[in-house]
C-alpha cells in the first residue's frame, strides 16, 4: 500500500539528470529537467548533493534522479511542491512546481528547519 502524503510532508519529485556540467565546486554540478502537470519544462542546475541517487561524471546521462521537496498544497490529484535546497532569483526563493500527487514518493530525509522571522522595531 502506498503511503499517503499530505501538506507539509517531505517528498521526492522524480526528474531526469540530463548532463554533467562541471567537477567544481565539489561534488559536481548537473543539469536536471522535469515537466510539471501543465506540460511546462523546467531545468535546474545545482550540486549533485541536492539530487537523489549517485550522480557521477561517469554516469550514463540522461539518468533518473529525484528532487527533495515539501508539499505546500494538494488540490485533488495535483500537489504544489517547493524545493528544499534549491532557490533562485533576487529574493533567493524556493522553486515551486505543480505535479501529479501520484508521482511523488515519501522520503526519510527531513527538510531543513525553518528559521523564525525576526521583526526589527
N, C-alpha and C. Protein backbone atom coordinates (compact mmCIF):
# COMPACT_ATOMS: atom_id res chain seq x y z
N UNK A 1 0.84 -1.18 0.00
CA UNK A 1 0.00 0.00 0.00
C UNK A 1 0.89 1.24 0.00
N UNK A 2 0.56 2.20 -0.85
CA UNK A 2 1.35 3.42 -0.97
C UNK A 2 1.03 4.36 0.19
N UNK A 3 2.10 4.94 0.76
CA UNK A 3 1.94 5.87 1.87
C UNK A 3 1.24 7.14 1.40
N UNK A 4 0.29 7.63 2.19
CA UNK A 4 -0.43 8.85 1.85
C UNK A 4 0.42 10.05 2.23
N UNK A 5 0.54 10.99 1.32
CA UNK A 5 1.29 12.22 1.56
C UNK A 5 0.31 13.36 1.76
N UNK A 6 0.69 14.33 2.59
CA UNK A 6 -0.17 15.47 2.85
C UNK A 6 0.61 16.76 2.93
N UNK A 7 -0.10 17.85 3.16
CA UNK A 7 0.53 19.17 3.26
C UNK A 7 1.63 19.15 4.31
N UNK A 8 2.77 19.73 3.97
CA UNK A 8 3.89 19.83 4.89
C UNK A 8 4.83 18.64 4.87
N UNK A 9 4.45 17.56 4.18
CA UNK A 9 5.29 16.37 4.13
C UNK A 9 6.46 16.57 3.17
N UNK A 10 7.58 15.97 3.54
CA UNK A 10 8.71 15.90 2.62
C UNK A 10 8.47 14.82 1.60
N UNK A 11 8.98 15.01 0.40
CA UNK A 11 8.78 14.02 -0.66
C UNK A 11 9.91 14.10 -1.67
N UNK A 12 9.94 13.11 -2.54
CA UNK A 12 10.89 13.09 -3.64
C UNK A 12 10.14 13.23 -4.95
N UNK A 13 10.53 14.23 -5.72
CA UNK A 13 9.94 14.50 -7.03
C UNK A 13 10.84 13.89 -8.10
N UNK A 14 10.33 12.97 -8.91
CA UNK A 14 11.15 12.37 -9.97
C UNK A 14 11.57 13.42 -11.00
N UNK A 15 12.79 13.27 -11.49
CA UNK A 15 13.34 14.15 -12.51
C UNK A 15 14.38 13.36 -13.30
N UNK A 16 14.94 14.01 -14.30
CA UNK A 16 15.97 13.38 -15.13
C UNK A 16 17.23 14.23 -15.08
N UNK A 17 18.33 13.61 -14.66
CA UNK A 17 19.64 14.27 -14.75
C UNK A 17 20.08 14.15 -16.20
N UNK A 18 20.24 15.29 -16.85
CA UNK A 18 20.47 15.30 -18.29
C UNK A 18 21.95 15.34 -18.64
N UNK A 19 22.73 16.11 -17.85
CA UNK A 19 24.10 16.36 -18.27
C UNK A 19 24.97 16.73 -17.08
N UNK A 20 26.16 16.20 -17.03
CA UNK A 20 27.17 16.59 -16.03
C UNK A 20 27.80 17.87 -16.56
N UNK A 21 27.76 18.94 -15.77
CA UNK A 21 28.26 20.24 -16.25
C UNK A 21 29.68 20.55 -15.80
N UNK A 22 30.01 20.19 -14.55
CA UNK A 22 31.31 20.59 -14.04
C UNK A 22 31.70 19.76 -12.82
N UNK A 23 33.00 19.56 -12.65
CA UNK A 23 33.51 18.89 -11.45
C UNK A 23 33.62 19.85 -10.28
N UNK A 24 33.64 21.13 -10.55
CA UNK A 24 33.80 22.14 -9.50
C UNK A 24 32.61 23.07 -9.48
N UNK A 25 32.14 23.47 -8.31
CA UNK A 25 32.63 23.06 -7.00
C UNK A 25 32.21 21.63 -6.70
N UNK A 26 32.95 21.02 -5.82
CA UNK A 26 32.68 19.64 -5.42
C UNK A 26 31.33 19.56 -4.73
N UNK A 27 30.52 18.58 -4.90
CA UNK A 27 30.79 17.30 -5.55
C UNK A 27 30.48 17.28 -7.03
N UNK A 28 30.27 18.40 -7.66
CA UNK A 28 29.98 18.46 -9.09
C UNK A 28 28.63 19.10 -9.35
N UNK A 29 28.46 19.59 -10.58
CA UNK A 29 27.25 20.30 -10.98
C UNK A 29 26.57 19.54 -12.12
N UNK A 30 25.24 19.38 -12.01
CA UNK A 30 24.48 18.70 -13.04
C UNK A 30 23.29 19.55 -13.48
N UNK A 31 22.82 19.25 -14.69
CA UNK A 31 21.59 19.83 -15.23
C UNK A 31 20.50 18.79 -15.08
N UNK A 32 19.40 19.17 -14.43
CA UNK A 32 18.28 18.27 -14.18
C UNK A 32 17.02 18.88 -14.79
N UNK A 33 16.19 18.04 -15.40
CA UNK A 33 14.96 18.51 -16.02
C UNK A 33 13.75 17.76 -15.47
N UNK A 34 12.60 18.46 -15.48
CA UNK A 34 11.32 17.85 -15.14
C UNK A 34 10.23 18.60 -15.91
N UNK A 35 9.06 17.97 -16.00
CA UNK A 35 7.91 18.59 -16.65
C UNK A 35 6.79 18.61 -15.63
N UNK A 36 6.13 19.77 -15.46
CA UNK A 36 5.05 19.87 -14.48
C UNK A 36 3.72 19.41 -15.08
N UNK A 37 2.64 19.48 -14.31
CA UNK A 37 1.33 19.00 -14.79
C UNK A 37 0.77 19.84 -15.92
N UNK A 38 1.32 21.01 -16.12
CA UNK A 38 0.86 21.90 -17.19
C UNK A 38 1.72 21.72 -18.44
N UNK A 39 2.54 20.65 -18.47
CA UNK A 39 3.46 20.33 -19.57
C UNK A 39 4.52 21.40 -19.79
N UNK A 40 4.84 22.17 -18.74
CA UNK A 40 5.91 23.17 -18.84
C UNK A 40 7.21 22.50 -18.40
N UNK A 41 8.25 22.61 -19.23
CA UNK A 41 9.54 22.05 -18.84
C UNK A 41 10.26 22.98 -17.87
N UNK A 42 11.03 22.37 -16.96
CA UNK A 42 11.84 23.14 -16.01
C UNK A 42 13.24 22.55 -15.99
N UNK A 43 14.24 23.41 -15.88
CA UNK A 43 15.62 22.98 -15.77
C UNK A 43 16.22 23.54 -14.50
N UNK A 44 16.91 22.70 -13.75
CA UNK A 44 17.58 23.11 -12.53
C UNK A 44 19.05 22.75 -12.66
N UNK A 45 19.91 23.65 -12.24
CA UNK A 45 21.35 23.41 -12.23
C UNK A 45 21.82 23.56 -10.80
N UNK A 46 22.45 22.51 -10.27
CA UNK A 46 22.91 22.55 -8.88
C UNK A 46 23.92 21.44 -8.63
N UNK A 47 24.48 21.45 -7.41
CA UNK A 47 25.39 20.40 -6.98
C UNK A 47 24.64 19.06 -6.95
N UNK A 48 25.37 18.00 -7.24
CA UNK A 48 24.76 16.67 -7.26
C UNK A 48 24.18 16.29 -5.91
N UNK A 49 24.70 16.84 -4.84
CA UNK A 49 24.21 16.51 -3.49
C UNK A 49 22.76 16.94 -3.29
N UNK A 50 22.26 17.84 -4.12
CA UNK A 50 20.90 18.32 -3.99
C UNK A 50 19.89 17.36 -4.63
N UNK A 51 20.39 16.36 -5.33
CA UNK A 51 19.53 15.43 -6.06
C UNK A 51 19.72 14.01 -5.53
N UNK A 52 18.76 13.13 -5.83
CA UNK A 52 18.83 11.76 -5.37
C UNK A 52 19.67 10.88 -6.27
N UNK A 53 20.09 9.76 -5.73
CA UNK A 53 20.86 8.79 -6.49
C UNK A 53 22.33 9.16 -6.55
N UNK A 54 23.08 8.30 -7.21
CA UNK A 54 24.51 8.56 -7.37
C UNK A 54 24.75 9.17 -8.74
N UNK A 55 24.90 10.49 -8.75
CA UNK A 55 25.20 11.19 -9.99
C UNK A 55 26.70 11.45 -10.02
N UNK A 56 27.36 10.85 -11.00
CA UNK A 56 28.81 10.95 -11.13
C UNK A 56 29.16 11.42 -12.54
N UNK A 57 30.38 11.92 -12.74
CA UNK A 57 30.76 12.32 -14.10
C UNK A 57 30.72 11.14 -15.07
N UNK A 58 30.88 9.93 -14.55
CA UNK A 58 30.90 8.74 -15.40
C UNK A 58 29.53 8.09 -15.56
N UNK A 59 28.50 8.65 -14.93
CA UNK A 59 27.15 8.10 -15.07
C UNK A 59 26.69 8.20 -16.51
N UNK A 60 25.80 7.31 -16.92
CA UNK A 60 25.23 7.34 -18.27
C UNK A 60 24.08 8.34 -18.27
N UNK A 61 24.27 9.50 -18.89
CA UNK A 61 23.24 10.53 -18.95
C UNK A 61 22.49 10.41 -20.26
N UNK A 62 21.17 10.67 -20.24
CA UNK A 62 20.32 11.05 -19.12
C UNK A 62 20.05 9.86 -18.20
N UNK A 63 19.81 10.18 -16.91
CA UNK A 63 19.51 9.13 -15.93
C UNK A 63 18.52 9.67 -14.90
N UNK A 64 17.74 8.78 -14.30
CA UNK A 64 16.73 9.22 -13.32
C UNK A 64 17.38 9.75 -12.05
N UNK A 65 16.70 10.71 -11.45
CA UNK A 65 17.10 11.27 -10.16
C UNK A 65 15.84 11.76 -9.46
N UNK A 66 16.00 12.37 -8.32
CA UNK A 66 14.87 12.97 -7.61
C UNK A 66 15.29 14.30 -7.03
N UNK A 67 14.28 15.12 -6.73
CA UNK A 67 14.48 16.41 -6.09
C UNK A 67 13.73 16.39 -4.76
N UNK A 68 14.42 16.75 -3.68
CA UNK A 68 13.78 16.79 -2.38
C UNK A 68 12.85 18.00 -2.31
N UNK A 69 11.60 17.78 -1.95
CA UNK A 69 10.59 18.84 -1.92
C UNK A 69 9.72 18.74 -0.67
N UNK A 70 8.96 19.80 -0.45
CA UNK A 70 7.93 19.82 0.58
C UNK A 70 6.60 20.07 -0.10
N UNK A 71 5.57 19.33 0.30
CA UNK A 71 4.24 19.55 -0.26
C UNK A 71 3.63 20.78 0.40
N UNK A 72 3.35 21.78 -0.41
CA UNK A 72 2.76 23.03 0.08
C UNK A 72 1.24 22.98 0.08
N UNK A 73 0.67 22.28 -0.93
CA UNK A 73 -0.79 22.24 -1.06
C UNK A 73 -1.16 21.05 -1.93
N UNK A 74 -2.35 20.50 -1.68
CA UNK A 74 -2.89 19.43 -2.51
C UNK A 74 -4.29 19.83 -2.92
N UNK A 75 -4.55 19.77 -4.24
CA UNK A 75 -5.87 20.06 -4.78
C UNK A 75 -6.24 18.89 -5.69
N UNK A 76 -7.12 18.03 -5.20
CA UNK A 76 -7.47 16.78 -5.87
C UNK A 76 -6.21 15.94 -6.06
N UNK A 77 -5.80 15.71 -7.31
CA UNK A 77 -4.62 14.87 -7.54
C UNK A 77 -3.39 15.68 -7.93
N UNK A 78 -3.42 17.00 -7.69
CA UNK A 78 -2.29 17.86 -8.01
C UNK A 78 -1.68 18.41 -6.72
N UNK A 79 -0.36 18.25 -6.61
CA UNK A 79 0.36 18.76 -5.44
C UNK A 79 1.23 19.94 -5.88
N UNK A 80 1.22 20.98 -5.09
CA UNK A 80 2.16 22.09 -5.27
C UNK A 80 3.32 21.81 -4.32
N UNK A 81 4.52 21.67 -4.88
CA UNK A 81 5.69 21.36 -4.07
C UNK A 81 6.73 22.47 -4.20
N UNK A 82 7.53 22.64 -3.15
CA UNK A 82 8.63 23.60 -3.19
C UNK A 82 9.93 22.87 -2.87
N UNK A 83 11.00 23.33 -3.49
CA UNK A 83 12.30 22.69 -3.30
C UNK A 83 12.87 23.06 -1.94
N UNK A 84 13.65 22.15 -1.37
CA UNK A 84 14.26 22.38 -0.07
C UNK A 84 15.53 23.20 -0.17
N UNK A 85 16.43 22.75 -1.04
CA UNK A 85 17.77 23.31 -1.05
C UNK A 85 18.01 24.22 -2.24
N UNK A 86 17.19 24.12 -3.25
CA UNK A 86 17.40 24.90 -4.47
C UNK A 86 16.55 26.15 -4.43
N UNK A 87 17.18 27.27 -4.66
CA UNK A 87 16.44 28.53 -4.68
C UNK A 87 17.09 29.43 -5.71
N UNK A 88 16.41 30.51 -6.04
CA UNK A 88 16.95 31.40 -7.04
C UNK A 88 16.24 32.73 -7.05
N UNK A 89 16.62 33.55 -8.00
CA UNK A 89 16.03 34.87 -8.13
C UNK A 89 16.64 35.85 -7.13
N UNK A 90 16.26 37.10 -7.27
CA UNK A 90 16.85 38.11 -6.39
C UNK A 90 16.49 37.93 -4.92
N UNK A 91 15.37 37.25 -4.63
CA UNK A 91 14.97 37.05 -3.24
C UNK A 91 15.33 35.66 -2.72
N UNK A 92 16.07 34.88 -3.54
CA UNK A 92 16.52 33.55 -3.15
C UNK A 92 15.38 32.70 -2.63
N UNK A 93 14.31 32.58 -3.42
CA UNK A 93 13.12 31.83 -3.02
C UNK A 93 13.17 30.40 -3.58
N UNK A 94 12.53 29.44 -2.90
CA UNK A 94 12.49 28.07 -3.42
C UNK A 94 11.72 28.02 -4.75
N UNK A 95 12.06 27.04 -5.56
CA UNK A 95 11.31 26.80 -6.77
C UNK A 95 10.02 26.07 -6.40
N UNK A 96 8.93 26.36 -7.12
CA UNK A 96 7.63 25.77 -6.83
C UNK A 96 7.08 25.16 -8.13
N UNK A 97 6.56 23.93 -8.00
CA UNK A 97 6.02 23.22 -9.16
C UNK A 97 4.69 22.59 -8.80
N UNK A 98 3.78 22.53 -9.77
CA UNK A 98 2.55 21.75 -9.66
C UNK A 98 2.81 20.42 -10.35
N UNK A 99 2.65 19.33 -9.60
CA UNK A 99 2.93 17.99 -10.13
C UNK A 99 1.81 17.05 -9.75
N UNK A 100 1.74 15.92 -10.43
CA UNK A 100 0.74 14.91 -10.07
C UNK A 100 1.14 14.30 -8.73
N UNK A 101 0.19 14.23 -7.82
CA UNK A 101 0.43 13.70 -6.48
C UNK A 101 0.96 12.27 -6.54
N UNK A 102 0.45 11.47 -7.48
CA UNK A 102 0.86 10.07 -7.53
C UNK A 102 2.27 9.85 -8.05
N UNK A 103 2.95 10.91 -8.50
CA UNK A 103 4.35 10.78 -8.92
C UNK A 103 5.32 10.97 -7.76
N UNK A 104 4.83 11.50 -6.64
CA UNK A 104 5.70 11.80 -5.50
C UNK A 104 5.90 10.56 -4.63
N UNK A 105 7.08 10.46 -4.07
CA UNK A 105 7.39 9.37 -3.15
C UNK A 105 7.75 9.96 -1.80
N UNK A 106 7.38 9.27 -0.72
CA UNK A 106 7.79 9.75 0.60
C UNK A 106 9.30 9.66 0.74
N UNK A 107 9.85 10.44 1.64
CA UNK A 107 11.29 10.41 1.89
C UNK A 107 11.55 10.31 3.39
N UNK A 108 12.67 9.72 3.72
CA UNK A 108 13.05 9.67 5.13
C UNK A 108 13.94 10.85 5.48
N UNK A 109 14.31 11.64 4.48
CA UNK A 109 15.09 12.85 4.74
C UNK A 109 14.14 13.95 5.19
N UNK A 110 14.62 14.79 6.08
CA UNK A 110 13.79 15.87 6.61
C UNK A 110 14.21 17.20 6.02
N UNK A 111 13.24 18.08 5.75
CA UNK A 111 13.60 19.41 5.26
C UNK A 111 14.35 20.16 6.35
N UNK A 112 15.14 21.15 5.94
CA UNK A 112 15.85 21.94 6.95
C UNK A 112 14.84 22.67 7.82
N UNK A 113 15.17 22.90 9.09
CA UNK A 113 14.23 23.62 9.96
C UNK A 113 14.04 25.05 9.45
N UNK A 114 12.83 25.53 9.60
CA UNK A 114 12.58 26.90 9.19
C UNK A 114 13.08 27.84 10.27
N UNK A 115 13.61 28.94 9.82
CA UNK A 115 14.11 29.93 10.77
C UNK A 115 12.97 30.88 11.13
N UNK A 116 12.86 31.22 12.41
CA UNK A 116 11.81 32.15 12.80
C UNK A 116 12.06 33.53 12.18
N UNK A 117 10.97 34.18 11.83
CA UNK A 117 11.06 35.52 11.26
C UNK A 117 11.31 36.51 12.40
N UNK A 118 12.33 37.31 12.24
CA UNK A 118 12.67 38.30 13.27
C UNK A 118 12.25 39.67 12.74
N UNK A 119 11.41 40.32 13.48
CA UNK A 119 10.96 41.66 13.10
C UNK A 119 11.76 42.70 13.89
N UNK A 120 12.31 43.64 13.16
CA UNK A 120 13.06 44.71 13.84
C UNK A 120 12.13 45.88 14.06
N UNK A 121 12.33 46.51 15.21
CA UNK A 121 11.47 47.67 15.53
C UNK A 121 12.26 48.95 15.45
